[in-house]
Protein backbone atom coordinates (compact mmCIF):
# COMPACT_ATOMS: atom_id res chain seq x y z
CA MET A 1 43.29 244.19 54.60
CA SER A 2 41.63 244.68 51.21
CA GLN A 3 43.74 245.67 48.23
CA LEU A 4 40.60 246.34 46.18
CA CYS A 5 37.19 247.48 47.37
CA VAL A 6 34.12 247.84 45.17
CA GLU A 7 31.67 250.07 47.05
CA SER A 8 27.97 250.19 46.07
CA VAL A 9 28.69 250.42 42.33
CA THR A 10 25.78 251.02 39.97
CA LYS A 11 26.21 251.27 36.19
CA ALA A 12 23.29 252.30 33.98
CA TYR A 13 22.97 253.27 30.33
CA ALA A 14 20.27 255.21 28.51
CA ASN A 15 19.06 253.76 25.19
CA ASN A 16 17.83 255.70 22.15
CA ASN A 17 14.44 256.17 23.80
CA LYS A 18 16.19 257.57 26.89
CA GLU A 19 15.06 254.55 28.87
CA ARG A 20 17.46 253.62 31.66
CA HIS A 21 19.04 250.17 31.45
CA VAL A 22 20.74 249.08 34.69
CA VAL A 23 23.64 246.64 34.19
CA LEU A 24 24.89 246.70 37.80
CA ARG A 25 23.03 247.87 40.87
CA ASP A 26 24.67 248.56 44.23
CA LEU A 27 27.43 245.96 43.77
CA SER A 28 29.96 245.64 46.61
CA PHE A 29 32.83 243.26 47.30
CA GLY A 30 36.45 243.30 48.42
CA VAL A 31 39.60 241.47 47.33
CA ARG A 32 42.41 240.86 49.80
CA THR A 33 46.08 241.33 49.00
CA GLY A 34 47.43 238.28 47.17
CA GLU A 35 43.98 236.80 46.55
CA PHE A 36 42.89 235.36 43.19
CA VAL A 37 39.17 236.07 42.72
CA SER A 38 37.06 234.95 39.76
CA LEU A 39 33.85 236.69 38.71
CA LEU A 40 31.66 233.85 37.47
CA GLY A 41 28.18 234.11 36.01
CA PRO A 42 26.00 233.90 32.89
CA SER A 43 26.63 236.07 29.85
CA GLY A 44 25.29 239.58 30.25
CA CYS A 45 25.43 239.66 34.06
CA GLY A 46 27.92 242.56 34.16
CA LYS A 47 31.21 240.73 34.82
CA THR A 48 33.21 242.59 32.18
CA THR A 49 31.48 245.87 33.02
CA ILE A 50 32.67 245.82 36.63
CA LEU A 51 36.17 244.72 35.53
CA ARG A 52 36.37 247.72 33.17
CA ILE A 53 35.11 250.03 35.91
CA ILE A 54 37.87 248.73 38.22
CA ALA A 55 40.39 249.31 35.40
CA GLY A 56 39.19 252.90 35.01
CA PHE A 57 38.02 252.35 31.42
CA LEU A 58 34.40 253.05 32.44
CA LYS A 59 32.99 255.36 35.09
CA PRO A 60 30.31 254.08 37.47
CA THR A 61 26.94 255.82 37.54
CA SER A 62 27.27 255.80 41.32
CA GLY A 63 29.51 254.21 43.91
CA ARG A 64 33.28 254.00 43.82
CA ILE A 65 36.32 251.76 43.45
CA MET A 66 39.15 251.94 45.98
CA ILE A 67 42.67 250.56 45.50
CA GLY A 68 44.07 250.75 48.99
CA ASP A 69 43.35 254.31 50.11
CA ASP A 70 43.08 255.71 46.57
CA GLU A 71 39.86 256.10 44.61
CA VAL A 72 39.91 254.98 40.96
CA THR A 73 39.04 257.82 38.58
CA GLN A 74 40.97 256.73 35.47
CA PRO A 75 43.34 253.99 34.25
CA GLY A 76 46.60 253.87 36.18
CA PRO A 77 49.82 251.87 36.69
CA ASP A 78 48.46 250.37 39.92
CA ARG A 79 46.23 248.16 37.73
CA ALA A 80 47.24 245.95 34.79
CA PHE A 81 44.81 244.41 32.29
CA VAL A 82 45.13 241.15 30.35
CA PHE A 83 42.76 240.92 27.38
CA GLN A 84 41.36 237.82 25.69
CA SER A 85 43.15 238.82 22.47
CA TYR A 86 46.62 239.03 24.13
CA GLY A 87 47.05 242.77 23.41
CA LEU A 88 50.73 242.47 22.48
CA PHE A 89 52.33 245.07 20.20
CA PRO A 90 52.91 243.13 16.93
CA TRP A 91 55.76 245.42 15.80
CA MET A 92 57.76 244.78 18.99
CA THR A 93 59.80 241.74 19.95
CA ILE A 94 58.81 239.74 23.02
CA LYS A 95 61.62 241.46 24.93
CA ALA A 96 60.40 244.91 23.88
CA ASN A 97 56.81 244.04 24.78
CA ILE A 98 57.80 243.00 28.28
CA LEU A 99 60.13 245.98 28.79
CA TYR A 100 57.55 248.51 27.57
CA PRO A 101 55.62 248.99 30.85
CA MET A 102 58.89 249.11 32.79
CA GLN A 103 60.20 251.84 30.48
CA GLN A 104 56.94 253.77 30.83
CA GLN A 105 57.39 253.69 34.59
CA LYS A 106 61.04 254.79 34.19
CA MET A 107 62.37 251.76 36.02
CA PRO A 108 66.20 251.86 36.27
CA GLN A 109 67.92 249.97 33.44
CA PRO A 110 69.63 247.35 35.65
CA GLU A 111 66.29 246.62 37.35
CA GLN A 112 64.59 246.31 33.94
CA GLU A 113 67.07 243.66 32.81
CA GLN A 114 66.82 241.77 36.08
CA GLN A 115 63.03 241.82 35.97
CA LEU A 116 63.00 240.80 32.29
CA ASN A 117 65.16 237.74 32.93
CA MET A 118 63.08 236.74 35.94
CA LEU A 119 59.81 237.03 33.99
CA LEU A 120 61.13 235.13 30.96
CA ALA A 121 62.20 232.29 33.25
CA LEU A 122 58.87 232.40 35.08
CA ALA A 123 56.93 231.97 31.81
CA LYS A 124 59.45 229.52 30.33
CA LEU A 125 60.17 231.88 27.43
CA GLU A 126 63.95 232.02 27.66
CA GLY A 127 65.43 232.12 24.16
CA LYS A 128 62.21 233.54 22.67
CA GLU A 129 62.82 237.18 23.57
CA LYS A 130 64.03 238.20 20.08
CA LEU A 131 60.97 236.77 18.34
CA TYR A 132 57.85 238.73 17.41
CA PRO A 133 54.36 237.81 18.66
CA HIS A 134 53.29 236.26 15.33
CA GLN A 135 56.23 233.86 15.60
CA LEU A 136 54.93 232.42 18.89
CA SER A 137 52.11 229.98 19.58
CA GLY A 138 48.91 231.33 21.11
CA GLY A 139 49.90 229.87 24.46
CA MET A 140 53.28 231.60 24.43
CA GLN A 141 51.64 234.89 23.45
CA GLN A 142 49.21 234.66 26.36
CA ARG A 143 52.02 233.84 28.81
CA THR A 144 53.84 236.89 27.46
CA ALA A 145 50.75 239.04 28.04
CA VAL A 146 50.50 237.83 31.65
CA ILE A 147 54.13 238.44 32.55
CA ARG A 148 54.11 241.83 30.80
CA ALA A 149 51.16 242.75 33.03
CA LEU A 150 53.16 241.66 36.09
CA ALA A 151 56.32 243.51 35.02
CA CYS A 152 55.74 246.63 37.14
CA HIS A 153 54.21 244.83 40.13
CA PRO A 154 50.67 246.23 39.79
CA LYS A 155 48.56 246.30 42.93
CA VAL A 156 45.74 244.52 41.06
CA LEU A 157 45.89 242.38 37.92
CA LEU A 158 42.65 242.28 35.90
CA MET A 159 42.00 239.51 33.37
CA ASP A 160 38.98 239.41 31.04
CA GLU A 161 38.45 235.80 29.92
CA PRO A 162 42.16 235.53 29.10
CA LEU A 163 41.83 231.97 27.76
CA GLY A 164 38.46 232.32 26.05
CA ALA A 165 39.88 232.14 22.51
CA VAL A 166 41.64 228.75 22.77
CA ASP A 167 40.42 225.15 22.53
CA MET A 168 39.80 223.02 25.63
CA GLN A 169 43.08 221.08 25.52
CA MET A 170 45.14 224.26 25.15
CA ARG A 171 42.98 226.01 27.75
CA HIS A 172 43.80 223.39 30.39
CA LYS A 173 47.52 223.58 29.57
CA LEU A 174 47.49 227.39 29.80
CA GLN A 175 45.58 227.27 33.09
CA GLU A 176 48.34 225.06 34.47
CA ASP A 177 50.99 227.45 33.13
CA MET A 178 49.26 230.46 34.67
CA GLU A 179 48.70 228.63 37.95
CA ARG A 180 52.44 227.98 38.13
CA ILE A 181 53.21 231.64 37.36
CA PHE A 182 50.96 232.84 40.17
CA ILE A 183 52.33 230.24 42.61
CA ASP A 184 55.86 231.48 41.87
CA SER A 185 54.88 235.16 41.70
CA PRO A 186 51.77 235.78 43.85
CA ALA A 187 49.55 238.65 42.77
CA THR A 188 46.17 240.17 43.58
CA VAL A 189 44.00 239.05 40.66
CA VAL A 190 40.42 239.56 39.52
CA MET A 191 39.49 237.37 36.55
CA VAL A 192 36.26 237.32 34.55
CA THR A 193 35.22 233.90 33.29
CA HIS A 194 32.07 232.00 32.36
CA ASP A 195 33.89 228.66 32.68
CA VAL A 196 33.16 226.89 35.99
CA ASP A 197 36.15 224.55 35.75
CA GLU A 198 38.50 227.48 35.08
CA ALA A 199 37.16 229.41 38.07
CA VAL A 200 37.61 226.45 40.42
CA PHE A 201 41.05 225.60 39.04
CA MET A 202 42.50 229.11 39.32
CA SER A 203 40.78 230.87 42.21
CA ASN A 204 41.07 231.33 45.94
CA ARG A 205 37.54 232.78 45.86
CA ILE A 206 34.66 232.79 43.41
CA LEU A 207 32.05 235.54 43.29
CA VAL A 208 28.93 234.19 41.57
CA MET A 209 27.04 236.98 39.79
CA SER A 210 23.42 236.69 38.66
CA ASP A 211 21.87 238.22 35.56
CA CYS A 212 19.59 240.22 37.86
CA GLU A 213 21.54 243.51 37.70
CA GLY A 214 24.77 241.79 38.73
CA LYS A 215 23.66 240.78 42.21
CA LEU A 216 26.05 238.50 44.08
CA ALA A 217 24.47 235.07 44.46
CA GLY A 218 27.48 233.57 46.19
CA ASP A 219 30.88 234.38 47.69
CA LEU A 220 32.72 231.07 47.89
CA SER A 221 36.19 230.32 49.25
CA ILE A 222 38.04 227.45 47.54
CA PRO A 223 40.09 225.49 50.13
CA LEU A 224 41.73 223.13 47.62
CA PRO A 225 45.54 223.47 47.63
CA HIS A 226 47.60 224.57 44.65
CA PRO A 227 48.56 222.98 42.37
CA ARG A 228 45.01 221.77 41.84
CA ASN A 229 44.09 218.19 40.93
CA ARG A 230 41.23 218.15 38.42
CA HIS A 231 40.74 214.42 38.97
CA SER A 232 40.08 214.52 42.70
CA LEU A 233 36.53 213.72 43.86
CA GLU A 234 36.29 216.97 45.84
CA TYR A 235 37.31 219.02 42.80
CA GLN A 236 34.83 217.28 40.50
CA GLN A 237 31.97 217.63 43.00
CA LEU A 238 32.70 221.32 43.37
CA VAL A 239 32.66 221.92 39.61
CA SER A 240 29.43 219.92 39.28
CA LYS A 241 27.58 221.78 42.04
CA LEU A 242 28.69 225.19 40.82
CA GLY A 243 27.62 224.24 37.30
CA ASP A 244 24.16 223.29 38.61
CA LEU A 245 23.92 226.63 40.41
CA LEU A 246 24.74 228.59 37.27
CA GLN A 247 22.32 226.53 35.19
CA ASN A 248 19.50 227.26 37.63
CA MET A 249 20.36 230.95 37.66
CA HIS A 250 20.44 231.09 33.86
CA HIS A 251 16.75 230.17 33.70
CA GLU A 252 15.67 232.71 36.31
CA LYS A 253 15.34 236.29 35.04
CA GLU A 254 14.56 237.50 38.55
CA ILE A 255 16.25 235.91 41.56
CA SER A 256 13.87 236.45 44.45
CA ASP A 257 14.28 233.35 46.62
CA TRP A 258 17.82 233.68 47.96
CA ASN A 259 17.18 230.82 50.40
CA ASN A 260 16.99 228.36 47.49
CA ILE A 261 20.36 229.54 46.19
CA LYS A 262 21.81 229.35 49.70
CA ASN A 263 20.60 225.74 49.99
CA ILE A 264 22.28 224.85 46.69
CA MET A 265 25.51 226.51 47.85
CA GLU A 266 25.46 224.63 51.15
CA GLU A 267 25.64 221.35 49.23
CA ILE A 268 28.99 222.40 47.77
CA PRO A 269 31.82 220.87 49.84
CA ILE A 270 33.61 224.15 50.54
CA GLU A 271 33.32 226.92 53.08
CA SER A 272 31.29 229.98 52.19
CA LYS A 273 32.82 233.17 53.54
CA ALA A 274 31.90 236.80 53.28
CA ALA A 275 34.54 239.12 51.85
CA ASP A 276 36.87 240.52 54.48
CA CYS A 277 36.82 244.04 53.16
CA CYS A 278 36.13 247.66 53.91
CA CYS A 279 32.68 247.47 52.40
CA ASN A 280 29.57 245.36 52.91
CA ALA A 281 28.81 242.49 50.53
CA THR A 282 25.69 242.78 48.43
């Protein structure tokens, strides 16, 4: 059963000359309950655009987004968004930041406190709740942003390059922290990234988007168990092959020979599966 279904979504803009620029054309995919899906592809392929359409921040030109049986028409509490820049309220303590969405949803006070303590333990932030965001490291701030997003049990968690602003060493550490959070508190997640290693490390599935109007070049299931081992041969081969695929796509403005891409994908030592969803894959 799909928690999220993207159905034939097209997004186009008109420029100053009233010429139509198509960012996404007829994009469809589904995300199952509890699945972590990464949208991976070159810059400008429409990854963030579709994430913002799912969030309700943008409206599609055509097509629709379904969360369960409900169509997305605006932002709502069934979706939470984690930004690259953390998005914490600087005037609030860590405790107040985490409690904020629970208060907005009028969660009972005892449940708020119970959920707060559970989330602080999950992110290893016990004892930090009275501090303000500027008093925490970047890694602690991002962990706070993630658990705040999980506070009201959203149906879908959306993350837009949440670790894009940190250096490689910190990025790997935060990926491990977030992996642990999602192992301990499973969620339905869609994450935008341009980092192949990050996509392989975090995801159950990777949707490879091309820069040809956001077409799906691949829908790949990742069978490696969590926690992931970056040093295993299978992991390194997978990252290498996916990197080659993206490099080849980057130099092709029009992707016309899908058989070539399929052949590249078949060399990757993982199963390729179509999305089990209420809509047809592109």
